[in-house]
Structure formats: C-alpha cells, structure tokens
Amino acid sequence: TIFTTNGSSTFSFGALTNAISSSAASVWTGLNSDWTSSTDHCTNWSISNASKAGIAGNGAATDGTVILDGSIDTKCNNLYYLICVEQ
C-alpha cells in the first residue's frame, strides 16, 4: 500500500517512509494542505514570472510539508521539479 484515504477519499497523511528527493529540493505541487488543488499554479505551470506564485513543497520531507511548505519561495521564476498527483 502506497497511500490510504479517509472516509472522504482524501489521503490521510501520516508520514512517508521515504522522501521524494534525497536532497533538500523544493518541488512544485499546486496542492493545498488538504490535498485540494490550489489556484496558485503559475498559470498552469506555463510561466516563469516573479510576480506570480505557485504552491511548493519540500521534496526531502516525509511529513505534510512535502505537499505544502510555507517557508519556500513560491515565485514562479524558481526552477523546481513538478510533482504530479492524480486521483
């Protein structure tokens, strides 16, 4: 089992066994902390404009900050990996 969900079919985030990245890499997720899609997504990841923002997580984390880490610079001109999640 990779992930389990709660009664609302939302991923129950406990802790990942391993991080997505072995380095402290920031990653674009576009996800809010409740796993819903954010409207902050750098115009569908198509622009690199410092005046726009996206949602980023910490790829080296194993807790909830892997999808949303408020300490990361979220200006769209940052070069981060993009993590895609499909339900």
N, C-alpha and C. Protein backbone atom coordinates (compact mmCIF):
# COMPACT_ATOMS: atom_id res chain seq x y z
N THR A 1 0.85 -1.18 0.00
CA THR A 1 0.00 0.00 0.00
C THR A 1 0.89 1.24 0.00
N ILE A 2 0.66 2.11 -0.95
CA ILE A 2 1.43 3.35 -1.01
C ILE A 2 0.75 4.43 -0.19
N PHE A 3 -0.56 4.62 -0.41
CA PHE A 3 -1.33 5.62 0.32
C PHE A 3 -2.65 5.00 0.76
N THR A 4 -3.20 5.51 1.82
CA THR A 4 -4.56 5.16 2.22
C THR A 4 -5.37 6.45 2.30
N THR A 5 -6.67 6.33 2.21
CA THR A 5 -7.54 7.50 2.26
C THR A 5 -8.50 7.39 3.43
N ASN A 6 -9.07 8.53 3.82
CA ASN A 6 -10.06 8.54 4.88
C ASN A 6 -11.46 8.37 4.28
N GLY A 7 -12.50 8.53 5.07
CA GLY A 7 -13.88 8.38 4.61
C GLY A 7 -14.30 9.36 3.54
N SER A 8 -13.57 10.47 3.43
CA SER A 8 -13.86 11.47 2.40
C SER A 8 -13.02 11.25 1.14
N SER A 9 -12.35 10.12 1.08
CA SER A 9 -11.45 9.78 -0.04
C SER A 9 -10.28 10.73 -0.17
N THR A 10 -9.87 11.32 0.94
CA THR A 10 -8.72 12.20 0.98
C THR A 10 -7.56 11.45 1.62
N PHE A 11 -6.38 11.60 1.04
CA PHE A 11 -5.19 10.93 1.56
C PHE A 11 -4.97 11.30 3.01
N SER A 12 -4.82 10.31 3.86
CA SER A 12 -4.53 10.53 5.28
C SER A 12 -3.02 10.61 5.44
N PHE A 13 -2.52 11.82 5.57
CA PHE A 13 -1.08 12.00 5.59
C PHE A 13 -0.54 11.75 6.98
N GLY A 14 0.12 10.64 7.15
CA GLY A 14 0.84 10.35 8.38
C GLY A 14 2.28 10.73 8.16
N ALA A 15 3.03 9.80 7.60
CA ALA A 15 4.42 10.08 7.24
C ALA A 15 4.81 9.14 6.11
N LEU A 16 5.57 9.66 5.16
CA LEU A 16 6.10 8.83 4.10
C LEU A 16 7.25 8.00 4.65
N THR A 17 7.44 6.81 4.12
CA THR A 17 8.58 6.00 4.52
C THR A 17 9.87 6.62 4.01
N ASN A 18 9.84 7.11 2.78
CA ASN A 18 10.99 7.76 2.17
C ASN A 18 10.56 9.09 1.56
N ALA A 19 11.50 10.01 1.50
CA ALA A 19 11.24 11.30 0.87
C ALA A 19 11.20 11.15 -0.65
N ILE A 20 10.59 12.09 -1.33
CA ILE A 20 10.55 12.11 -2.79
C ILE A 20 11.94 12.38 -3.35
N SER A 21 12.71 13.20 -2.64
CA SER A 21 14.05 13.57 -3.08
C SER A 21 15.03 13.32 -1.95
N SER A 22 16.25 12.93 -2.30
CA SER A 22 17.27 12.72 -1.27
C SER A 22 17.96 14.03 -0.87
N SER A 23 17.73 15.08 -1.64
CA SER A 23 18.29 16.39 -1.30
C SER A 23 17.16 17.29 -0.81
N ALA A 24 17.51 18.41 -0.26
CA ALA A 24 16.50 19.34 0.24
C ALA A 24 15.94 20.15 -0.92
N ALA A 25 15.36 19.47 -1.88
CA ALA A 25 14.87 20.13 -3.09
C ALA A 25 13.43 20.60 -2.92
N SER A 26 13.20 21.82 -3.34
CA SER A 26 11.83 22.33 -3.38
C SER A 26 11.15 21.74 -4.61
N VAL A 27 9.86 21.48 -4.49
CA VAL A 27 9.09 20.90 -5.59
C VAL A 27 7.78 21.65 -5.75
N TRP A 28 7.36 21.86 -6.99
CA TRP A 28 6.04 22.44 -7.25
C TRP A 28 5.01 21.34 -7.06
N THR A 29 3.92 21.65 -6.35
CA THR A 29 2.85 20.67 -6.16
C THR A 29 1.49 21.21 -6.62
N GLY A 30 1.22 22.48 -6.37
CA GLY A 30 -0.08 23.04 -6.70
C GLY A 30 -1.18 22.53 -5.78
N LEU A 31 -0.79 21.98 -4.63
CA LEU A 31 -1.76 21.40 -3.71
C LEU A 31 -1.82 22.17 -2.40
N ASN A 32 -3.03 22.33 -1.89
CA ASN A 32 -3.22 22.87 -0.55
C ASN A 32 -2.94 21.77 0.46
N SER A 33 -2.85 22.13 1.73
CA SER A 33 -2.54 21.14 2.76
C SER A 33 -3.60 20.05 2.89
N ASP A 34 -4.81 20.30 2.41
CA ASP A 34 -5.87 19.28 2.45
C ASP A 34 -5.97 18.48 1.14
N TRP A 35 -4.93 18.59 0.30
CA TRP A 35 -4.81 17.86 -0.97
C TRP A 35 -5.76 18.35 -2.04
N THR A 36 -6.41 19.48 -1.84
CA THR A 36 -7.23 20.07 -2.91
C THR A 36 -6.33 20.89 -3.82
N SER A 37 -6.75 21.08 -5.04
CA SER A 37 -5.97 21.86 -5.99
C SER A 37 -6.01 23.33 -5.62
N SER A 38 -4.86 23.97 -5.69
CA SER A 38 -4.76 25.40 -5.40
C SER A 38 -4.95 26.19 -6.68
N THR A 39 -5.38 27.42 -6.53
CA THR A 39 -5.45 28.32 -7.69
C THR A 39 -4.09 28.96 -7.96
N ASP A 40 -3.13 28.75 -7.08
CA ASP A 40 -1.76 29.25 -7.26
C ASP A 40 -0.93 28.16 -7.95
N HIS A 41 -0.85 28.25 -9.28
CA HIS A 41 -0.16 27.21 -10.04
C HIS A 41 0.61 27.77 -11.24
N CYS A 42 1.11 28.99 -11.09
CA CYS A 42 1.94 29.62 -12.14
C CYS A 42 1.29 29.52 -13.52
N THR A 43 0.00 29.87 -13.55
CA THR A 43 -0.79 29.80 -14.79
C THR A 43 -0.62 28.43 -15.45
N ASN A 44 -1.04 27.42 -14.70
CA ASN A 44 -0.94 26.02 -15.15
C ASN A 44 0.50 25.64 -15.49
N TRP A 45 1.44 26.13 -14.69
CA TRP A 45 2.88 25.84 -14.82
C TRP A 45 3.44 26.27 -16.17
N SER A 46 2.88 27.32 -16.74
CA SER A 46 3.31 27.74 -18.07
C SER A 46 4.12 29.04 -18.09
N ILE A 47 4.30 29.70 -16.92
CA ILE A 47 5.03 30.96 -16.91
C ILE A 47 6.18 30.92 -15.90
N SER A 48 7.14 31.79 -16.07
CA SER A 48 8.23 31.94 -15.10
C SER A 48 8.34 33.41 -14.72
N ASN A 49 7.27 33.91 -14.15
CA ASN A 49 7.14 35.31 -13.81
C ASN A 49 7.22 35.49 -12.30
N ALA A 50 8.14 36.32 -11.83
CA ALA A 50 8.32 36.53 -10.40
C ALA A 50 7.14 37.22 -9.73
N SER A 51 6.23 37.80 -10.51
CA SER A 51 5.07 38.47 -9.91
C SER A 51 3.92 37.49 -9.66
N LYS A 52 4.04 36.26 -10.11
CA LYS A 52 3.02 35.22 -9.88
C LYS A 52 3.57 34.19 -8.89
N ALA A 53 2.67 33.43 -8.28
CA ALA A 53 3.10 32.45 -7.28
C ALA A 53 2.47 31.09 -7.54
N GLY A 54 3.14 30.05 -7.05
CA GLY A 54 2.63 28.69 -7.10
C GLY A 54 2.72 28.08 -5.72
N ILE A 55 2.26 26.86 -5.58
CA ILE A 55 2.36 26.15 -4.30
C ILE A 55 3.49 25.15 -4.40
N ALA A 56 4.38 25.18 -3.39
CA ALA A 56 5.55 24.32 -3.40
C ALA A 56 5.66 23.53 -2.10
N GLY A 57 6.30 22.38 -2.19
CA GLY A 57 6.56 21.55 -1.03
C GLY A 57 8.04 21.26 -0.91
N ASN A 58 8.38 20.54 0.15
CA ASN A 58 9.76 20.17 0.43
C ASN A 58 9.94 18.70 0.04
N GLY A 59 10.61 18.46 -1.08
CA GLY A 59 10.79 17.11 -1.59
C GLY A 59 11.59 16.20 -0.69
N ALA A 60 12.35 16.77 0.26
CA ALA A 60 13.16 15.96 1.18
C ALA A 60 12.40 15.61 2.46
N ALA A 61 11.17 16.10 2.58
CA ALA A 61 10.37 15.86 3.79
C ALA A 61 9.61 14.54 3.71
N THR A 62 9.22 14.03 4.86
CA THR A 62 8.37 12.84 4.92
C THR A 62 7.05 13.15 5.61
N ASP A 63 6.82 14.41 5.95
CA ASP A 63 5.57 14.81 6.59
C ASP A 63 4.75 15.67 5.62
N GLY A 64 3.76 16.35 6.11
CA GLY A 64 2.86 17.14 5.27
C GLY A 64 3.52 18.27 4.51
N THR A 65 4.73 18.69 4.89
CA THR A 65 5.39 19.76 4.16
C THR A 65 5.87 19.31 2.78
N VAL A 66 5.76 18.03 2.50
CA VAL A 66 6.13 17.56 1.16
C VAL A 66 5.17 18.11 0.11
N ILE A 67 3.92 18.42 0.48
CA ILE A 67 2.98 18.99 -0.49
C ILE A 67 2.81 20.49 -0.34
N LEU A 68 3.06 21.03 0.85
CA LEU A 68 2.92 22.47 1.09
C LEU A 68 3.86 22.88 2.20
N ASP A 69 4.86 23.67 1.85
CA ASP A 69 5.82 24.17 2.83
C ASP A 69 5.84 25.68 2.73
N GLY A 70 5.27 26.35 3.70
CA GLY A 70 5.14 27.79 3.69
C GLY A 70 6.46 28.56 3.74
N SER A 71 7.57 27.88 3.99
CA SER A 71 8.85 28.57 4.08
C SER A 71 9.57 28.64 2.73
N ILE A 72 9.00 28.06 1.68
CA ILE A 72 9.64 28.01 0.37
C ILE A 72 9.25 29.24 -0.45
N ASP A 73 10.23 29.79 -1.18
CA ASP A 73 9.97 30.90 -2.09
C ASP A 73 9.09 30.38 -3.23
N THR A 74 7.90 30.92 -3.39
CA THR A 74 6.94 30.38 -4.36
C THR A 74 6.75 31.26 -5.59
N LYS A 75 7.69 32.15 -5.85
CA LYS A 75 7.61 32.94 -7.08
C LYS A 75 7.82 32.01 -8.27
N CYS A 76 7.05 32.22 -9.31
CA CYS A 76 7.04 31.31 -10.47
C CYS A 76 8.33 31.29 -11.28
N ASN A 77 9.26 32.19 -10.98
CA ASN A 77 10.53 32.16 -11.71
C ASN A 77 11.54 31.19 -11.10
N ASN A 78 11.17 30.48 -10.04
CA ASN A 78 12.04 29.48 -9.44
C ASN A 78 11.98 28.17 -10.25
N LEU A 79 13.12 27.53 -10.40
CA LEU A 79 13.18 26.25 -11.12
C LEU A 79 13.11 25.11 -10.12
N TYR A 80 11.93 24.50 -9.99
CA TYR A 80 11.72 23.36 -9.11
C TYR A 80 11.19 22.20 -9.94
N TYR A 81 11.34 20.98 -9.42
CA TYR A 81 10.71 19.83 -10.03
C TYR A 81 9.20 19.96 -9.83
N LEU A 82 8.43 19.36 -10.71
CA LEU A 82 6.97 19.37 -10.62
C LEU A 82 6.50 17.99 -10.21
N ILE A 83 5.78 17.90 -9.10
CA ILE A 83 5.23 16.62 -8.64
C ILE A 83 3.78 16.55 -9.09
N CYS A 84 3.45 15.52 -9.83
CA CYS A 84 2.08 15.34 -10.33
C CYS A 84 1.38 14.25 -9.53
N VAL A 85 0.16 14.53 -9.09
CA VAL A 85 -0.64 13.58 -8.33
C VAL A 85 -1.99 13.48 -9.02
N GLU A 86 -2.43 12.28 -9.27
CA GLU A 86 -3.74 12.07 -9.89
C GLU A 86 -4.58 11.19 -9.00
N GLN A 87 -5.85 11.55 -8.88
CA GLN A 87 -6.76 10.75 -8.06
C GLN A 87 -7.73 10.03 -8.94
